């Protein structure tokens, strides 16, 4: 069953013991996601719900404390995250480097 973030958090908050869990889940995501700026100059996230005729959106940030969100055409259902690597981190763009990182940390 499809459950968006808002419904997921509401369900967790409905359970007395789970309200701290909701904050913990979101907190972990935030720390992990924003660590991308160690290797990236900018992050672009394309997202669209699976519902027919839904609008797509682009979220962009350079990690400086602000971001932009705008509507976007031709966004496939789901979420695609694009990391614009900085020059010092180009070694992470190679296939084998990515495979090793995924195997080690997944």
C-alpha atoms as a PDB file:
ATOM      1  CA  UNK A   1       0.000   0.000   0.000  1.00  0.00           C
ATOM      2  CA  UNK A   2       1.244   3.483  -0.893  1.00  0.00           C
ATOM      3  CA  UNK A   3       1.769   5.775   2.091  1.00  0.00           C
ATOM      4  CA  UNK A   4       3.140   9.285   1.790  1.00  0.00           C
ATOM      5  CA  UNK A   5       5.424  10.835   4.372  1.00  0.00           C
ATOM      6  CA  UNK A   6       2.640  12.851   5.999  1.00  0.00           C
ATOM      7  CA  UNK A   7       0.453   9.755   6.496  1.00  0.00           C
ATOM      8  CA  UNK A   8       3.444   7.777   7.778  1.00  0.00           C
ATOM      9  CA  UNK A   9       4.339  10.410  10.384  1.00  0.00           C
ATOM     10  CA  UNK A  10       0.664  10.776  11.408  1.00  0.00           C
ATOM     11  CA  UNK A  11       0.444   7.041  11.936  1.00  0.00           C
ATOM     12  CA  UNK A  12       3.588   7.072  14.061  1.00  0.00           C
ATOM     13  CA  UNK A  13       2.372  10.030  16.114  1.00  0.00           C
ATOM     14  CA  UNK A  14      -0.917   8.241  16.784  1.00  0.00           C
ATOM     15  CA  UNK A  15       1.052   5.652  18.725  1.00  0.00           C
ATOM     16  CA  UNK A  16       2.191   7.132  22.057  1.00  0.00           C
ATOM     17  CA  UNK A  17       5.543   5.326  22.025  1.00  0.00           C
ATOM     18  CA  UNK A  18       6.164   6.111  18.400  1.00  0.00           C
ATOM     19  CA  UNK A  19       6.184   9.926  18.452  1.00  0.00           C
ATOM     20  CA  UNK A  20       9.887   9.947  19.289  1.00  0.00           C
ATOM     21  CA  UNK A  21      10.411   7.364  16.553  1.00  0.00           C
ATOM     22  CA  UNK A  22       8.895   9.711  13.961  1.00  0.00           C
ATOM     23  CA  UNK A  23      11.313  12.486  14.872  1.00  0.00           C
ATOM     24  CA  UNK A  24      14.185  10.000  14.875  1.00  0.00           C
ATOM     25  CA  UNK A  25      13.354   8.705  11.388  1.00  0.00           C
ATOM     26  CA  UNK A  26      13.115  12.190   9.939  1.00  0.00           C
ATOM     27  CA  UNK A  27      16.232  13.322  11.821  1.00  0.00           C
ATOM     28  CA  UNK A  28      18.273  10.450  10.435  1.00  0.00           C
ATOM     29  CA  UNK A  29      17.107  11.199   6.916  1.00  0.00           C
ATOM     30  CA  UNK A  30      18.012  14.862   7.288  1.00  0.00           C
ATOM     31  CA  UNK A  31      21.539  14.199   8.576  1.00  0.00           C
ATOM     32  CA  UNK A  32      22.181  11.581   5.898  1.00  0.00           C
ATOM     33  CA  UNK A  33      20.737  13.674   3.127  1.00  0.00           C
ATOM     34  CA  UNK A  34      22.564  16.874   3.998  1.00  0.00           C
ATOM     35  CA  UNK A  35      25.880  15.024   4.262  1.00  0.00           C
ATOM     36  CA  UNK A  36      25.716  14.861   0.449  1.00  0.00           C
ATOM     37  CA  UNK A  37      27.067  18.415   0.426  1.00  0.00           C
ATOM     38  CA  UNK A  38      30.437  17.081   1.567  1.00  0.00           C
ATOM     39  CA  UNK A  39      30.932  15.778  -1.978  1.00  0.00           C
ATOM     40  CA  UNK A  40      28.418  17.837  -3.933  1.00  0.00           C
ATOM     41  CA  UNK A  41      28.151  21.488  -4.888  1.00  0.00           C
ATOM     42  CA  UNK A  42      24.432  21.165  -5.541  1.00  0.00           C
ATOM     43  CA  UNK A  43      21.651  18.595  -5.204  1.00  0.00           C
ATOM     44  CA  UNK A  44      18.602  18.411  -7.444  1.00  0.00           C
ATOM     45  CA  UNK A  45      15.639  16.225  -6.515  1.00  0.00           C
ATOM     46  CA  UNK A  46      12.926  15.449  -9.058  1.00  0.00           C
ATOM     47  CA  UNK A  47       9.732  14.030  -7.596  1.00  0.00           C
ATOM     48  CA  UNK A  48       6.220  13.145  -8.670  1.00  0.00           C
ATOM     49  CA  UNK A  49       3.519  11.041  -7.069  1.00  0.00           C
ATOM     50  CA  UNK A  50       2.224   7.961  -8.839  1.00  0.00           C
ATOM     51  CA  UNK A  51      -1.253   9.471  -9.214  1.00  0.00           C
ATOM     52  CA  UNK A  52      -2.359  10.162 -12.811  1.00  0.00           C
ATOM     53  CA  UNK A  53      -2.022  13.758 -13.987  1.00  0.00           C
ATOM     54  CA  UNK A  54       0.028  14.687 -10.914  1.00  0.00           C
ATOM     55  CA  UNK A  55       2.450  17.599 -11.200  1.00  0.00           C
ATOM     56  CA  UNK A  56       6.174  17.027 -10.945  1.00  0.00           C
ATOM     57  CA  UNK A  57       8.464  19.111  -8.770  1.00  0.00           C
ATOM     58  CA  UNK A  58      12.138  20.013  -8.556  1.00  0.00           C
ATOM     59  CA  UNK A  59      13.860  20.727  -5.249  1.00  0.00           C
ATOM     60  CA  UNK A  60      17.331  22.289  -5.469  1.00  0.00           C
ATOM     61  CA  UNK A  61      19.893  23.399  -2.931  1.00  0.00           C
ATOM     62  CA  UNK A  62      23.575  24.190  -2.675  1.00  0.00           C
ATOM     63  CA  UNK A  63      23.551  23.361   1.030  1.00  0.00           C
ATOM     64  CA  UNK A  64      23.834  26.976   2.105  1.00  0.00           C
ATOM     65  CA  UNK A  65      20.687  26.943   4.237  1.00  0.00           C
ATOM     66  CA  UNK A  66      18.139  27.637   1.528  1.00  0.00           C
ATOM     67  CA  UNK A  67      16.475  25.747  -1.288  1.00  0.00           C
ATOM     68  CA  UNK A  68      14.039  26.235  -4.132  1.00  0.00           C
ATOM     69  CA  UNK A  69      11.011  24.189  -5.122  1.00  0.00           C
ATOM     70  CA  UNK A  70       9.340  24.592  -8.476  1.00  0.00           C
ATOM     71  CA  UNK A  71       6.941  22.721 -10.708  1.00  0.00           C
ATOM     72  CA  UNK A  72       8.542  20.696 -13.480  1.00  0.00           C
ATOM     73  CA  UNK A  73       7.302  19.088 -16.670  1.00  0.00           C
ATOM     74  CA  UNK A  74       8.133  15.547 -17.781  1.00  0.00           C
ATOM     75  CA  UNK A  75       9.070  14.208 -14.335  1.00  0.00           C
ATOM     76  CA  UNK A  76       8.632  10.438 -14.092  1.00  0.00           C
ATOM     77  CA  UNK A  77       6.683   9.042 -11.116  1.00  0.00           C
ATOM     78  CA  UNK A  78       8.952   8.463  -8.137  1.00  0.00           C
ATOM     79  CA  UNK A  79      11.999  10.359  -6.947  1.00  0.00           C
ATOM     80  CA  UNK A  80      15.332  10.933  -8.673  1.00  0.00           C
ATOM     81  CA  UNK A  81      18.225  12.514  -6.788  1.00  0.00           C
ATOM     82  CA  UNK A  82      21.038  14.138  -8.777  1.00  0.00           C
ATOM     83  CA  UNK A  83      24.249  15.026  -6.964  1.00  0.00           C
ATOM     84  CA  UNK A  84      26.400  17.600  -8.761  1.00  0.00           C
ATOM     85  CA  UNK A  85      29.817  16.462  -7.525  1.00  0.00           C
ATOM     86  CA  UNK A  86      32.475  19.018  -6.684  1.00  0.00           C
ATOM     87  CA  UNK A  87      35.901  18.718  -8.381  1.00  0.00           C
ATOM     88  CA  UNK A  88      37.545  17.157  -5.348  1.00  0.00           C
ATOM     89  CA  UNK A  89      34.995  14.315  -5.310  1.00  0.00           C
ATOM     90  CA  UNK A  90      35.018  13.242  -8.954  1.00  0.00           C
ATOM     91  CA  UNK A  91      36.535   9.882  -7.938  1.00  0.00           C
ATOM     92  CA  UNK A  92      33.103   8.913  -6.551  1.00  0.00           C
ATOM     93  CA  UNK A  93      31.491   9.095 -10.006  1.00  0.00           C
ATOM     94  CA  UNK A  94      33.109   5.863 -11.186  1.00  0.00           C
ATOM     95  CA  UNK A  95      31.035   2.679 -11.386  1.00  0.00           C
ATOM     96  CA  UNK A  96      33.297   0.600  -9.143  1.00  0.00           C
ATOM     97  CA  UNK A  97      33.622   3.312  -6.525  1.00  0.00           C
ATOM     98  CA  UNK A  98      29.818   3.578  -6.350  1.00  0.00           C
ATOM     99  CA  UNK A  99      29.381  -0.192  -6.144  1.00  0.00           C
ATOM    100  CA  UNK A 100      31.912  -0.419  -3.318  1.00  0.00           C
ATOM    101  CA  UNK A 101      30.234   2.386  -1.364  1.00  0.00           C
ATOM    102  CA  UNK A 102      26.790   0.835  -1.782  1.00  0.00           C
ATOM    103  CA  UNK A 103      28.013  -2.621  -0.710  1.00  0.00           C
ATOM    104  CA  UNK A 104      29.846  -1.208   2.297  1.00  0.00           C
ATOM    105  CA  UNK A 105      27.090   1.049   3.647  1.00  0.00           C
ATOM    106  CA  UNK A 106      23.855  -0.685   2.617  1.00  0.00           C
END
